[in-house]
Amino acid sequence: AFPDQLRKLAHEALARIATDPCGPAPN
């Protein structure tokens, strides 16, 4: 069972990935 604070971290990480020009999105 993952602690609730991982939800926020996961959301932040996905936001970073979705908008980062160096991330996998443009690939």
PDB file of all heavy atoms in Angstrom:
ATOM      1  N   ALA A   1       0.869  -1.181   0.000  1.00  0.00           N
ATOM      2  CA  ALA A   1       0.000   0.000   0.000  1.00  0.00           C
ATOM      3  C   ALA A   1       0.904   1.228   0.000  1.00  0.00           C
ATOM      4  O   ALA A   1       1.804   1.349   0.830  1.00  0.00           O
ATOM      5  CB  ALA A   1      -0.900  -0.008   1.225  1.00  0.00           C
ATOM      6  N   PHE A   2       0.680   2.105  -0.958  1.00  0.00           N
ATOM      7  CA  PHE A   2       1.506   3.301  -1.065  1.00  0.00           C
ATOM      8  C   PHE A   2       0.934   4.400  -0.168  1.00  0.00           C
ATOM      9  O   PHE A   2      -0.289   4.575  -0.118  1.00  0.00           O
ATOM     10  CB  PHE A   2       1.574   3.794  -2.510  1.00  0.00           C
ATOM     11  CG  PHE A   2       2.295   2.853  -3.430  1.00  0.00           C
ATOM     12  CD1 PHE A   2       1.642   2.268  -4.489  1.00  0.00           C
ATOM     13  CD2 PHE A   2       3.635   2.546  -3.231  1.00  0.00           C
ATOM     14  CE1 PHE A   2       2.304   1.390  -5.340  1.00  0.00           C
ATOM     15  CE2 PHE A   2       4.302   1.672  -4.071  1.00  0.00           C
ATOM     16  CZ  PHE A   2       3.634   1.093  -5.127  1.00  0.00           C
ATOM     17  N   PRO A   3       1.807   5.135   0.514  1.00  0.00           N
ATOM     18  CA  PRO A   3       1.316   6.232   1.356  1.00  0.00           C
ATOM     19  C   PRO A   3       0.694   7.337   0.497  1.00  0.00           C
ATOM     20  O   PRO A   3       1.070   7.529  -0.661  1.00  0.00           O
ATOM     21  CB  PRO A   3       2.566   6.732   2.091  1.00  0.00           C
ATOM     22  CG  PRO A   3       3.729   6.162   1.371  1.00  0.00           C
ATOM     23  CD  PRO A   3       3.253   4.986   0.574  1.00  0.00           C
ATOM     24  N   ASP A   4      -0.245   8.063   1.078  1.00  0.00           N
ATOM     25  CA  ASP A   4      -0.975   9.104   0.344  1.00  0.00           C
ATOM     26  C   ASP A   4      -0.059  10.165  -0.255  1.00  0.00           C
ATOM     27  O   ASP A   4      -0.360  10.704  -1.317  1.00  0.00           O
ATOM     28  CB  ASP A   4      -2.006   9.776   1.253  1.00  0.00           C
ATOM     29  CG  ASP A   4      -3.212   8.886   1.499  1.00  0.00           C
ATOM     30  OD1 ASP A   4      -3.447   7.952   0.709  1.00  0.00           O
ATOM     31  OD2 ASP A   4      -3.928   9.139   2.488  1.00  0.00           O
ATOM     32  N   GLN A   5       1.054  10.482   0.387  1.00  0.00           N
ATOM     33  CA  GLN A   5       1.927  11.542  -0.143  1.00  0.00           C
ATOM     34  C   GLN A   5       2.530  11.165  -1.497  1.00  0.00           C
ATOM     35  O   GLN A   5       2.958  12.036  -2.243  1.00  0.00           O
ATOM     36  CB  GLN A   5       3.011  11.969   0.850  1.00  0.00           C
ATOM     37  CG  GLN A   5       3.991  10.885   1.217  1.00  0.00           C
ATOM     38  CD  GLN A   5       3.643  10.170   2.502  1.00  0.00           C
ATOM     39  OE1 GLN A   5       2.478  10.006   2.826  1.00  0.00           O
ATOM     40  NE2 GLN A   5       4.647   9.732   3.230  1.00  0.00           N
ATOM     41  N   LEU A   6       2.536   9.887  -1.849  1.00  0.00           N
ATOM     42  CA  LEU A   6       3.039   9.502  -3.172  1.00  0.00           C
ATOM     43  C   LEU A   6       2.101   9.959  -4.284  1.00  0.00           C
ATOM     44  O   LEU A   6       2.540  10.156  -5.417  1.00  0.00           O
ATOM     45  CB  LEU A   6       3.264   7.997  -3.263  1.00  0.00           C
ATOM     46  CG  LEU A   6       4.479   7.446  -2.521  1.00  0.00           C
ATOM     47  CD1 LEU A   6       4.694   5.988  -2.885  1.00  0.00           C
ATOM     48  CD2 LEU A   6       5.721   8.245  -2.785  1.00  0.00           C
ATOM     49  N   ARG A   7       0.833  10.161  -3.970  1.00  0.00           N
ATOM     50  CA  ARG A   7      -0.103  10.662  -4.987  1.00  0.00           C
ATOM     51  C   ARG A   7       0.345  12.030  -5.491  1.00  0.00           C
ATOM     52  O   ARG A   7       0.369  12.288  -6.690  1.00  0.00           O
ATOM     53  CB  ARG A   7      -1.517  10.772  -4.416  1.00  0.00           C
ATOM     54  CG  ARG A   7      -2.184   9.434  -4.203  1.00  0.00           C
ATOM     55  CD  ARG A   7      -3.519   9.589  -3.558  1.00  0.00           C
ATOM     56  NE  ARG A   7      -4.513  10.024  -4.538  1.00  0.00           N
ATOM     57  CZ  ARG A   7      -5.806   9.950  -4.331  1.00  0.00           C
ATOM     58  NH1 ARG A   7      -6.284   9.486  -3.188  1.00  0.00           N
ATOM     59  NH2 ARG A   7      -6.649  10.350  -5.262  1.00  0.00           N
ATOM     60  N   LYS A   8       0.699  12.904  -4.556  1.00  0.00           N
ATOM     61  CA  LYS A   8       1.136  14.253  -4.925  1.00  0.00           C
ATOM     62  C   LYS A   8       2.433  14.191  -5.725  1.00  0.00           C
ATOM     63  O   LYS A   8       2.593  14.876  -6.739  1.00  0.00           O
ATOM     64  CB  LYS A   8       1.318  15.101  -3.674  1.00  0.00           C
ATOM     65  CG  LYS A   8       1.737  16.527  -3.950  1.00  0.00           C
ATOM     66  CD  LYS A   8       1.822  17.315  -2.641  1.00  0.00           C
ATOM     67  CE  LYS A   8       2.109  18.771  -2.878  1.00  0.00           C
ATOM     68  NZ  LYS A   8       3.474  19.071  -3.212  1.00  0.00           N
ATOM     69  N   LEU A   9       3.382  13.381  -5.264  1.00  0.00           N
ATOM     70  CA  LEU A   9       4.652  13.243  -5.984  1.00  0.00           C
ATOM     71  C   LEU A   9       4.427  12.701  -7.394  1.00  0.00           C
ATOM     72  O   LEU A   9       5.034  13.181  -8.354  1.00  0.00           O
ATOM     73  CB  LEU A   9       5.616  12.344  -5.217  1.00  0.00           C
ATOM     74  CG  LEU A   9       6.171  12.878  -3.909  1.00  0.00           C
ATOM     75  CD1 LEU A   9       7.031  11.815  -3.228  1.00  0.00           C
ATOM     76  CD2 LEU A   9       6.964  14.157  -4.130  1.00  0.00           C
ATOM     77  N   ALA A  10       3.565  11.697  -7.516  1.00  0.00           N
ATOM     78  CA  ALA A  10       3.292  11.119  -8.831  1.00  0.00           C
ATOM     79  C   ALA A  10       2.642  12.156  -9.743  1.00  0.00           C
ATOM     80  O   ALA A  10       3.005  12.268 -10.923  1.00  0.00           O
ATOM     81  CB  ALA A  10       2.390   9.890  -8.680  1.00  0.00           C
ATOM     82  N   HIS A  11       1.726  12.934  -9.220  1.00  0.00           N
ATOM     83  CA  HIS A  11       1.070  13.983 -10.016  1.00  0.00           C
ATOM     84  C   HIS A  11       2.096  15.011 -10.474  1.00  0.00           C
ATOM     85  O   HIS A  11       2.108  15.422 -11.641  1.00  0.00           O
ATOM     86  CB  HIS A  11      -0.037  14.638  -9.186  1.00  0.00           C
ATOM     87  CG  HIS A  11      -0.881  15.575  -9.976  1.00  0.00           C
ATOM     88  ND1 HIS A  11      -0.538  16.894 -10.172  1.00  0.00           N
ATOM     89  CD2 HIS A  11      -2.041  15.372 -10.635  1.00  0.00           C
ATOM     90  CE1 HIS A  11      -1.463  17.472 -10.911  1.00  0.00           C
ATOM     91  NE2 HIS A  11      -2.387  16.571 -11.210  1.00  0.00           N
ATOM     92  N   GLU A  12       2.974  15.444  -9.578  1.00  0.00           N
ATOM     93  CA  GLU A  12       4.008  16.421  -9.934  1.00  0.00           C
ATOM     94  C   GLU A  12       4.971  15.871 -10.980  1.00  0.00           C
ATOM     95  O   GLU A  12       5.363  16.584 -11.912  1.00  0.00           O
ATOM     96  CB  GLU A  12       4.788  16.851  -8.696  1.00  0.00           C
ATOM     97  CG  GLU A  12       4.018  17.738  -7.754  1.00  0.00           C
ATOM     98  CD  GLU A  12       4.850  18.113  -6.539  1.00  0.00           C
ATOM     99  OE1 GLU A  12       6.085  18.295  -6.662  1.00  0.00           O
ATOM    100  OE2 GLU A  12       4.260  18.229  -5.457  1.00  0.00           O
ATOM    101  N   ALA A  13       5.365  14.623 -10.825  1.00  0.00           N
ATOM    102  CA  ALA A  13       6.287  14.015 -11.791  1.00  0.00           C
ATOM    103  C   ALA A  13       5.640  13.942 -13.175  1.00  0.00           C
ATOM    104  O   ALA A  13       6.277  14.266 -14.184  1.00  0.00           O
ATOM    105  CB  ALA A  13       6.713  12.625 -11.323  1.00  0.00           C
ATOM    106  N   LEU A  14       4.377  13.557 -13.230  1.00  0.00           N
ATOM    107  CA  LEU A  14       3.692  13.479 -14.523  1.00  0.00           C
ATOM    108  C   LEU A  14       3.519  14.859 -15.150  1.00  0.00           C
ATOM    109  O   LEU A  14       3.648  15.009 -16.368  1.00  0.00           O
ATOM    110  CB  LEU A  14       2.330  12.804 -14.363  1.00  0.00           C
ATOM    111  CG  LEU A  14       2.357  11.316 -14.028  1.00  0.00           C
ATOM    112  CD1 LEU A  14       0.949  10.806 -13.799  1.00  0.00           C
ATOM    113  CD2 LEU A  14       3.060  10.518 -15.111  1.00  0.00           C
ATOM    114  N   ALA A  15       3.242  15.858 -14.332  1.00  0.00           N
ATOM    115  CA  ALA A  15       3.130  17.224 -14.857  1.00  0.00           C
ATOM    116  C   ALA A  15       4.454  17.669 -15.460  1.00  0.00           C
ATOM    117  O   ALA A  15       4.498  18.280 -16.530  1.00  0.00           O
ATOM    118  CB  ALA A  15       2.691  18.180 -13.750  1.00  0.00           C
ATOM    119  N   ARG A  16       5.538  17.339 -14.788  1.00  0.00           N
ATOM    120  CA  ARG A  16       6.870  17.689 -15.284  1.00  0.00           C
ATOM    121  C   ARG A  16       7.155  16.978 -16.606  1.00  0.00           C
ATOM    122  O   ARG A  16       7.651  17.566 -17.563  1.00  0.00           O
ATOM    123  CB  ARG A  16       7.914  17.308 -14.225  1.00  0.00           C
ATOM    124  CG  ARG A  16       9.339  17.495 -14.634  1.00  0.00           C
ATOM    125  CD  ARG A  16       9.776  18.951 -14.482  1.00  0.00           C
ATOM    126  NE  ARG A  16      10.970  19.231 -15.241  1.00  0.00           N
ATOM    127  CZ  ARG A  16      12.191  18.860 -14.917  1.00  0.00           C
ATOM    128  NH1 ARG A  16      12.409  18.178 -13.821  1.00  0.00           N
ATOM    129  NH2 ARG A  16      13.206  19.176 -15.695  1.00  0.00           N
ATOM    130  N   ILE A  17       6.836  15.715 -16.676  1.00  0.00           N
ATOM    131  CA  ILE A  17       7.083  14.923 -17.884  1.00  0.00           C
ATOM    132  C   ILE A  17       6.248  15.443 -19.051  1.00  0.00           C
ATOM    133  O   ILE A  17       6.748  15.577 -20.173  1.00  0.00           O
ATOM    134  CB  ILE A  17       6.778  13.433 -17.619  1.00  0.00           C
ATOM    135  CG1 ILE A  17       7.794  12.856 -16.632  1.00  0.00           C
ATOM    136  CG2 ILE A  17       6.759  12.629 -18.908  1.00  0.00           C
ATOM    137  CD1 ILE A  17       7.381  11.531 -16.023  1.00  0.00           C
ATOM    138  N   ALA A  18       4.986  15.743 -18.788  1.00  0.00           N
ATOM    139  CA  ALA A  18       4.072  16.151 -19.858  1.00  0.00           C
ATOM    140  C   ALA A  18       4.452  17.481 -20.487  1.00  0.00           C
ATOM    141  O   ALA A  18       4.150  17.724 -21.651  1.00  0.00           O
ATOM    142  CB  ALA A  18       2.645  16.223 -19.323  1.00  0.00           C
ATOM    143  N   THR A  19       5.126  18.329 -19.731  1.00  0.00           N
ATOM    144  CA  THR A  19       5.408  19.680 -20.226  1.00  0.00           C
ATOM    145  C   THR A  19       6.879  19.949 -20.502  1.00  0.00           C
ATOM    146  O   THR A  19       7.209  21.022 -21.008  1.00  0.00           O
ATOM    147  CB  THR A  19       4.906  20.728 -19.218  1.00  0.00           C
ATOM    148  OG1 THR A  19       5.578  20.528 -17.959  1.00  0.00           O
ATOM    149  CG2 THR A  19       3.400  20.613 -19.024  1.00  0.00           C
ATOM    150  N   ASP A  20       7.742  19.017 -20.203  1.00  0.00           N
ATOM    151  CA  ASP A  20       9.174  19.265 -20.346  1.00  0.00           C
ATOM    152  C   ASP A  20       9.640  19.004 -21.778  1.00  0.00           C
ATOM    153  O   ASP A  20       9.453  17.903 -22.296  1.00  0.00           O
ATOM    154  CB  ASP A  20       9.956  18.371 -19.386  1.00  0.00           C
ATOM    155  CG  ASP A  20      11.386  18.812 -19.253  1.00  0.00           C
ATOM    156  OD1 ASP A  20      12.116  18.811 -20.278  1.00  0.00           O
ATOM    157  OD2 ASP A  20      11.795  19.166 -18.145  1.00  0.00           O
ATOM    158  N   PRO A  21      10.257  19.991 -22.425  1.00  0.00           N
ATOM    159  CA  PRO A  21      10.714  19.790 -23.803  1.00  0.00           C
ATOM    160  C   PRO A  21      11.846  18.773 -23.915  1.00  0.00           C
ATOM    161  O   PRO A  21      12.100  18.252 -24.998  1.00  0.00           O
ATOM    162  CB  PRO A  21      11.183  21.183 -24.240  1.00  0.00           C
ATOM    163  CG  PRO A  21      11.447  21.922 -22.981  1.00  0.00           C
ATOM    164  CD  PRO A  21      10.541  21.334 -21.937  1.00  0.00           C
ATOM    165  N   CYS A  22      12.498  18.462 -22.793  1.00  0.00           N
ATOM    166  CA  CYS A  22      13.565  17.450 -22.804  1.00  0.00           C
ATOM    167  C   CYS A  22      13.024  16.060 -22.471  1.00  0.00           C
ATOM    168  O   CYS A  22      13.774  15.094 -22.490  1.00  0.00           O
ATOM    169  CB  CYS A  22      14.649  17.818 -21.786  1.00  0.00           C
ATOM    170  SG  CYS A  22      15.469  19.369 -22.142  1.00  0.00           S
ATOM    171  N   GLY A  23      11.755  15.966 -22.147  1.00  0.00           N
ATOM    172  CA  GLY A  23      11.166  14.690 -21.774  1.00  0.00           C
ATOM    173  C   GLY A  23      10.802  13.861 -22.989  1.00  0.00           C
ATOM    174  O   GLY A  23      11.090  14.225 -24.130  1.00  0.00           O
ATOM    175  N   PRO A  24      10.125  12.735 -22.767  1.00  0.00           N
ATOM    176  CA  PRO A  24       9.803  11.828 -23.875  1.00  0.00           C
ATOM    177  C   PRO A  24       8.658  12.295 -24.764  1.00  0.00           C
ATOM    178  O   PRO A  24       8.480  11.758 -25.848  1.00  0.00           O
ATOM    179  CB  PRO A  24       9.440  10.526 -23.170  1.00  0.00           C
ATOM    180  CG  PRO A  24       9.098  10.898 -21.785  1.00  0.00           C
ATOM    181  CD  PRO A  24       9.830  12.162 -21.468  1.00  0.00           C
ATOM    182  N   ALA A  25       7.882  13.293 -24.365  1.00  0.00           N
ATOM    183  CA  ALA A  25       6.708  13.708 -25.153  1.00  0.00           C
ATOM    184  C   ALA A  25       7.035  14.019 -26.607  1.00  0.00           C
ATOM    185  O   ALA A  25       6.332  13.570 -27.503  1.00  0.00           O
ATOM    186  CB  ALA A  25       6.012  14.893 -24.486  1.00  0.00           C
ATOM    187  N   PRO A  26       8.095  14.799 -26.907  1.00  0.00           N
ATOM    188  CA  PRO A  26       8.351  15.113 -28.312  1.00  0.00           C
ATOM    189  C   PRO A  26       8.998  13.972 -29.111  1.00  0.00           C
ATOM    190  O   PRO A  26       9.199  14.105 -30.305  1.00  0.00           O
ATOM    191  CB  PRO A  26       9.303  16.305 -28.260  1.00  0.00           C
ATOM    192  CG  PRO A  26       9.698  16.498 -26.857  1.00  0.00           C
ATOM    193  CD  PRO A  26       8.919  15.545 -26.009  1.00  0.00           C
ATOM    194  N   ASN A  27       9.301  12.850 -28.476  1.00  0.00           N
ATOM    195  CA  ASN A  27      10.023  11.770 -29.140  1.00  0.00           C
ATOM    196  C   ASN A  27       9.151  10.822 -29.953  1.00  0.00           C
ATOM    197  O   ASN A  27       9.661   9.963 -30.654  1.00  0.00           O
ATOM    198  CB  ASN A  27      10.816  10.945 -28.115  1.00  0.00           C
ATOM    199  CG  ASN A  27      11.925  11.744 -27.499  1.00  0.00           C
ATOM    200  OD1 ASN A  27      12.411  12.713 -28.071  1.00  0.00           O
ATOM    201  ND2 ASN A  27      12.323  11.359 -26.295  1.00  0.00           N
TER     202      ASN A  27
END
